[in-house]
Amino acid sequence: MTPTRFIQFQGHQSTWRCSSGFTLLEMLVVLVIIGLIAGLVGPQLLGRVDTGRVTAADTQVRILKGALETMRLDVGRFPSKEEGLAMLVTSPRDERVARRWRGPYLAEAVPLDPWGNPYQYAPESAITVVIYSFGADGKDGGEGTDADVGFPPKQATNR
């Protein structure tokens, strides 16, 4: 039973019935407001996801480079291009190198970049390596989130 309230207006008695719930109009207004907020905030959040992936790739490249430097101190050299980043987690086949290998140098397997692609790796000299991600587009070069992230080859930075 719905409660009934009586309101007195200048000697006139009127009945006012209370009902709970929302009208269709009120619900539509709320949905429109939610849609407007999502339309304004959504693109901002999606832009943050892309910059977050670039930051994550940069951080992972730095961690991989640090692990490579540590391994170089133990082994005396960086992994060859053929051995690749896998040498950070698995002992090399060369027995002379395997005796000095103190790995694994990463707690888990070598990660893929935030876009699901393998990191690019090659030793450049006895003391420098090339290690980078192609970025969001998965191709060499690019701008913004498509730009290469990390330590690309020297010729790539002179473009």
C-alpha atoms as a PDB file:
ATOM      1  CA  MET A   1       0.000   0.000   0.000  1.00  0.00           C
ATOM      2  CA  THR A   2       1.345   3.419  -0.959  1.00  0.00           C
ATOM      3  CA  PRO A   3       1.506   5.938   1.864  1.00  0.00           C
ATOM      4  CA  THR A   4      -0.826   8.913   1.491  1.00  0.00           C
ATOM      5  CA  ARG A   5       0.109  12.374   2.641  1.00  0.00           C
ATOM      6  CA  PHE A   6      -2.306  15.221   3.088  1.00  0.00           C
ATOM      7  CA  ILE A   7      -1.218  18.732   2.329  1.00  0.00           C
ATOM      8  CA  GLN A   8      -3.296  21.699   3.503  1.00  0.00           C
ATOM      9  CA  PHE A   9      -3.569  24.663   1.096  1.00  0.00           C
ATOM     10  CA  GLN A  10      -5.654  27.591   2.422  1.00  0.00           C
ATOM     11  CA  GLY A  11      -8.354  25.455   3.895  1.00  0.00           C
ATOM     12  CA  HIS A  12      -8.330  23.078   0.944  1.00  0.00           C
ATOM     13  CA  GLN A  13      -7.290  19.502   1.508  1.00  0.00           C
ATOM     14  CA  SER A  14      -5.432  17.695  -1.304  1.00  0.00           C
ATOM     15  CA  THR A  15      -4.081  14.194  -1.578  1.00  0.00           C
ATOM     16  CA  TRP A  16      -0.496  13.569  -2.700  1.00  0.00           C
ATOM     17  CA  ARG A  17       0.595  10.039  -3.320  1.00  0.00           C
ATOM     18  CA  CYS A  18       4.284   9.066  -3.088  1.00  0.00           C
ATOM     19  CA  SER A  19       5.639   6.560  -5.536  1.00  0.00           C
ATOM     20  CA  SER A  20       9.126   5.137  -5.674  1.00  0.00           C
ATOM     21  CA  GLY A  21      11.151   4.595  -8.878  1.00  0.00           C
ATOM     22  CA  PHE A  22      12.215   6.626 -11.862  1.00  0.00           C
ATOM     23  CA  THR A  23      10.290   7.765 -14.869  1.00  0.00           C
ATOM     24  CA  LEU A  24      11.404   6.905 -18.374  1.00  0.00           C
ATOM     25  CA  LEU A  25      12.377  10.529 -18.949  1.00  0.00           C
ATOM     26  CA  GLU A  26      14.647  10.568 -15.883  1.00  0.00           C
ATOM     27  CA  MET A  27      16.344   7.373 -17.008  1.00  0.00           C
ATOM     28  CA  LEU A  28      16.912   8.786 -20.508  1.00  0.00           C
ATOM     29  CA  VAL A  29      18.453  11.954 -19.075  1.00  0.00           C
ATOM     30  CA  VAL A  30      20.860   9.875 -16.954  1.00  0.00           C
ATOM     31  CA  LEU A  31      21.823   7.738 -19.971  1.00  0.00           C
ATOM     32  CA  VAL A  32      22.492  10.851 -22.069  1.00  0.00           C
ATOM     33  CA  ILE A  33      24.714  12.278 -19.310  1.00  0.00           C
ATOM     34  CA  ILE A  34      26.645   8.993 -19.034  1.00  0.00           C
ATOM     35  CA  GLY A  35      27.049   8.946 -22.830  1.00  0.00           C
ATOM     36  CA  LEU A  36      28.413  12.512 -22.839  1.00  0.00           C
ATOM     37  CA  ILE A  37      30.904  11.730 -20.080  1.00  0.00           C
ATOM     38  CA  ALA A  38      32.064   8.569 -21.882  1.00  0.00           C
ATOM     39  CA  GLY A  39      32.442  10.563 -25.107  1.00  0.00           C
ATOM     40  CA  LEU A  40      34.626  13.144 -23.402  1.00  0.00           C
ATOM     41  CA  VAL A  41      36.705  10.851 -21.178  1.00  0.00           C
ATOM     42  CA  GLY A  42      37.046   7.802 -23.485  1.00  0.00           C
ATOM     43  CA  PRO A  43      39.446   9.315 -26.048  1.00  0.00           C
ATOM     44  CA  GLN A  44      41.596  10.720 -23.253  1.00  0.00           C
ATOM     45  CA  LEU A  45      41.949   7.278 -21.678  1.00  0.00           C
ATOM     46  CA  LEU A  46      42.712   5.574 -24.996  1.00  0.00           C
ATOM     47  CA  GLY A  47      45.506   8.097 -25.610  1.00  0.00           C
ATOM     48  CA  ARG A  48      46.954   7.208 -22.219  1.00  0.00           C
ATOM     49  CA  VAL A  49      47.021   3.509 -23.133  1.00  0.00           C
ATOM     50  CA  ASP A  50      49.241   4.222 -26.156  1.00  0.00           C
ATOM     51  CA  THR A  51      51.682   6.373 -24.190  1.00  0.00           C
ATOM     52  CA  GLY A  52      51.674   3.733 -21.443  1.00  0.00           C
ATOM     53  CA  ARG A  53      52.738   1.088 -23.958  1.00  0.00           C
ATOM     54  CA  VAL A  54      55.601   3.293 -25.166  1.00  0.00           C
ATOM     55  CA  THR A  55      56.731   3.789 -21.555  1.00  0.00           C
ATOM     56  CA  ALA A  56      56.483   0.047 -20.876  1.00  0.00           C
ATOM     57  CA  ALA A  57      58.546  -0.754 -23.984  1.00  0.00           C
ATOM     58  CA  ASP A  58      61.210   1.775 -22.963  1.00  0.00           C
ATOM     59  CA  THR A  59      61.371   0.276 -19.463  1.00  0.00           C
ATOM     60  CA  GLN A  60      61.599  -3.291 -20.782  1.00  0.00           C
ATOM     61  CA  VAL A  61      64.386  -2.320 -23.198  1.00  0.00           C
ATOM     62  CA  ARG A  62      66.350  -0.788 -20.332  1.00  0.00           C
ATOM     63  CA  ILE A  63      65.861  -3.924 -18.200  1.00  0.00           C
ATOM     64  CA  LEU A  64      66.985  -6.131 -21.099  1.00  0.00           C
ATOM     65  CA  LYS A  65      70.030  -3.928 -21.703  1.00  0.00           C
ATOM     66  CA  GLY A  66      70.947  -4.107 -18.006  1.00  0.00           C
ATOM     67  CA  ALA A  67      70.653  -7.910 -18.072  1.00  0.00           C
ATOM     68  CA  LEU A  68      72.819  -8.021 -21.221  1.00  0.00           C
ATOM     69  CA  GLU A  69      75.463  -5.830 -19.549  1.00  0.00           C
ATOM     70  CA  THR A  70      75.511  -8.130 -16.498  1.00  0.00           C
ATOM     71  CA  MET A  71      75.831 -11.187 -18.722  1.00  0.00           C
ATOM     72  CA  ARG A  72      78.650  -9.528 -20.695  1.00  0.00           C
ATOM     73  CA  LEU A  73      80.580  -8.990 -17.455  1.00  0.00           C
ATOM     74  CA  ASP A  74      80.253 -12.709 -16.624  1.00  0.00           C
ATOM     75  CA  VAL A  75      80.743 -14.195 -20.090  1.00  0.00           C
ATOM     76  CA  GLY A  76      83.043 -11.587 -21.617  1.00  0.00           C
ATOM     77  CA  ARG A  77      80.848 -10.800 -24.617  1.00  0.00           C
ATOM     78  CA  PHE A  78      77.300 -10.066 -25.712  1.00  0.00           C
ATOM     79  CA  PRO A  79      75.262 -12.860 -27.307  1.00  0.00           C
ATOM     80  CA  SER A  80      75.680 -13.146 -31.059  1.00  0.00           C
ATOM     81  CA  LYS A  81      72.726 -12.222 -33.263  1.00  0.00           C
ATOM     82  CA  GLU A  82      72.023 -15.949 -33.691  1.00  0.00           C
ATOM     83  CA  GLU A  83      72.092 -16.606 -29.915  1.00  0.00           C
ATOM     84  CA  GLY A  84      69.920 -13.533 -29.391  1.00  0.00           C
ATOM     85  CA  LEU A  85      68.144 -12.536 -26.205  1.00  0.00           C
ATOM     86  CA  ALA A  86      67.396 -16.193 -25.418  1.00  0.00           C
ATOM     87  CA  MET A  87      70.917 -16.416 -23.969  1.00  0.00           C
ATOM     88  CA  LEU A  88      69.654 -14.312 -21.068  1.00  0.00           C
ATOM     89  CA  VAL A  89      67.531 -17.238 -19.853  1.00  0.00           C
ATOM     90  CA  THR A  90      69.170 -20.360 -21.334  1.00  0.00           C
ATOM     91  CA  SER A  91      72.787 -21.428 -21.082  1.00  0.00           C
ATOM     92  CA  PRO A  92      74.790 -21.106 -24.323  1.00  0.00           C
ATOM     93  CA  ARG A  93      75.817 -24.223 -26.274  1.00  0.00           C
ATOM     94  CA  ASP A  94      79.479 -23.199 -26.445  1.00  0.00           C
ATOM     95  CA  GLU A  95      81.010 -25.008 -23.451  1.00  0.00           C
ATOM     96  CA  ARG A  96      83.714 -22.371 -22.821  1.00  0.00           C
ATOM     97  CA  VAL A  97      81.061 -19.649 -22.595  1.00  0.00           C
ATOM     98  CA  ALA A  98      78.638 -21.874 -20.645  1.00  0.00           C
ATOM     99  CA  ARG A  99      81.220 -22.318 -17.834  1.00  0.00           C
ATOM    100  CA  ARG A 100      81.233 -18.532 -17.209  1.00  0.00           C
ATOM    101  CA  TRP A 101      77.481 -18.065 -17.719  1.00  0.00           C
ATOM    102  CA  ARG A 102      75.845 -17.287 -14.323  1.00  0.00           C
ATOM    103  CA  GLY A 103      72.252 -16.972 -15.529  1.00  0.00           C
ATOM    104  CA  PRO A 104      69.454 -16.861 -15.927  1.00  0.00           C
ATOM    105  CA  TYR A 105      69.707 -13.085 -16.061  1.00  0.00           C
ATOM    106  CA  LEU A 106      65.931 -12.592 -16.248  1.00  0.00           C
ATOM    107  CA  ALA A 107      63.380 -13.949 -13.766  1.00  0.00           C
ATOM    108  CA  GLU A 108      61.059 -15.030 -16.597  1.00  0.00           C
ATOM    109  CA  ALA A 109      61.235 -15.648 -20.329  1.00  0.00           C
ATOM    110  CA  VAL A 110      62.299 -12.823 -22.635  1.00  0.00           C
ATOM    111  CA  PRO A 111      59.180 -10.642 -22.976  1.00  0.00           C
ATOM    112  CA  LEU A 112      57.552  -9.509 -26.180  1.00  0.00           C
ATOM    113  CA  ASP A 113      57.108  -5.774 -26.623  1.00  0.00           C
ATOM    114  CA  PRO A 114      53.754  -4.293 -25.483  1.00  0.00           C
ATOM    115  CA  TRP A 115      52.387  -4.703 -29.033  1.00  0.00           C
ATOM    116  CA  GLY A 116      53.147  -8.447 -29.042  1.00  0.00           C
ATOM    117  CA  ASN A 117      56.272  -8.348 -31.249  1.00  0.00           C
ATOM    118  CA  PRO A 118      59.768  -9.605 -30.379  1.00  0.00           C
ATOM    119  CA  TYR A 119      62.410  -7.022 -29.502  1.00  0.00           C
ATOM    120  CA  GLN A 120      65.031  -6.363 -32.179  1.00  0.00           C
ATOM    121  CA  TYR A 121      68.544  -7.309 -31.051  1.00  0.00           C
ATOM    122  CA  ALA A 122      72.045  -7.312 -32.540  1.00  0.00           C
ATOM    123  CA  PRO A 123      75.499  -6.706 -31.074  1.00  0.00           C
ATOM    124  CA  GLU A 124      77.015  -3.593 -32.645  1.00  0.00           C
ATOM    125  CA  SER A 125      80.493  -3.921 -31.190  1.00  0.00           C
ATOM    126  CA  ALA A 126      82.202  -5.519 -28.195  1.00  0.00           C
ATOM    127  CA  ILE A 127      80.718  -2.868 -25.897  1.00  0.00           C
ATOM    128  CA  THR A 128      77.437  -1.770 -27.518  1.00  0.00           C
ATOM    129  CA  VAL A 129      74.242  -3.510 -28.567  1.00  0.00           C
ATOM    130  CA  VAL A 130      71.194  -2.623 -30.605  1.00  0.00           C
ATOM    131  CA  ILE A 131      67.985  -3.447 -28.752  1.00  0.00           C
ATOM    132  CA  TYR A 132      64.675  -1.826 -29.556  1.00  0.00           C
ATOM    133  CA  SER A 133      60.997  -2.235 -30.410  1.00  0.00           C
ATOM    134  CA  PHE A 134      59.515  -1.167 -33.738  1.00  0.00           C
ATOM    135  CA  GLY A 135      56.664   0.544 -31.856  1.00  0.00           C
ATOM    136  CA  ALA A 136      52.927   0.348 -32.490  1.00  0.00           C
ATOM    137  CA  ASP A 137      53.153  -0.084 -36.277  1.00  0.00           C
ATOM    138  CA  GLY A 138      55.654  -2.981 -36.105  1.00  0.00           C
ATOM    139  CA  LYS A 139      57.800  -1.322 -38.809  1.00  0.00           C
ATOM    140  CA  ASP A 140      61.167   0.407 -38.826  1.00  0.00           C
ATOM    141  CA  GLY A 141      61.005   4.162 -38.124  1.00  0.00           C
ATOM    142  CA  GLY A 142      57.794   6.092 -37.594  1.00  0.00           C
ATOM    143  CA  GLU A 143      56.581   8.958 -35.438  1.00  0.00           C
ATOM    144  CA  GLY A 144      54.640   9.212 -32.186  1.00  0.00           C
ATOM    145  CA  THR A 145      53.580   5.798 -30.904  1.00  0.00           C
ATOM    146  CA  ASP A 146      54.794   4.259 -34.190  1.00  0.00           C
ATOM    147  CA  ALA A 147      58.384   5.408 -33.498  1.00  0.00           C
ATOM    148  CA  ASP A 148      61.094   2.900 -32.593  1.00  0.00           C
ATOM    149  CA  VAL A 149      61.624   2.615 -28.825  1.00  0.00           C
ATOM    150  CA  GLY A 150      64.946   1.776 -27.169  1.00  0.00           C
ATOM    151  CA  PHE A 151      68.471   1.741 -28.557  1.00  0.00           C
ATOM    152  CA  PRO A 152      68.117   1.408 -32.368  1.00  0.00           C
ATOM    153  CA  PRO A 153      71.089   1.111 -34.752  1.00  0.00           C
ATOM    154  CA  LYS A 154      73.127   4.257 -35.277  1.00  0.00           C
ATOM    155  CA  GLN A 155      72.055   4.678 -38.927  1.00  0.00           C
ATOM    156  CA  ALA A 156      68.390   4.633 -37.870  1.00  0.00           C
ATOM    157  CA  THR A 157      68.899   7.630 -35.590  1.00  0.00           C
ATOM    158  CA  ASN A 158      70.468   9.757 -38.359  1.00  0.00           C
ATOM    159  CA  ARG A 159      67.264   9.929 -40.443  1.00  0.00           C
END
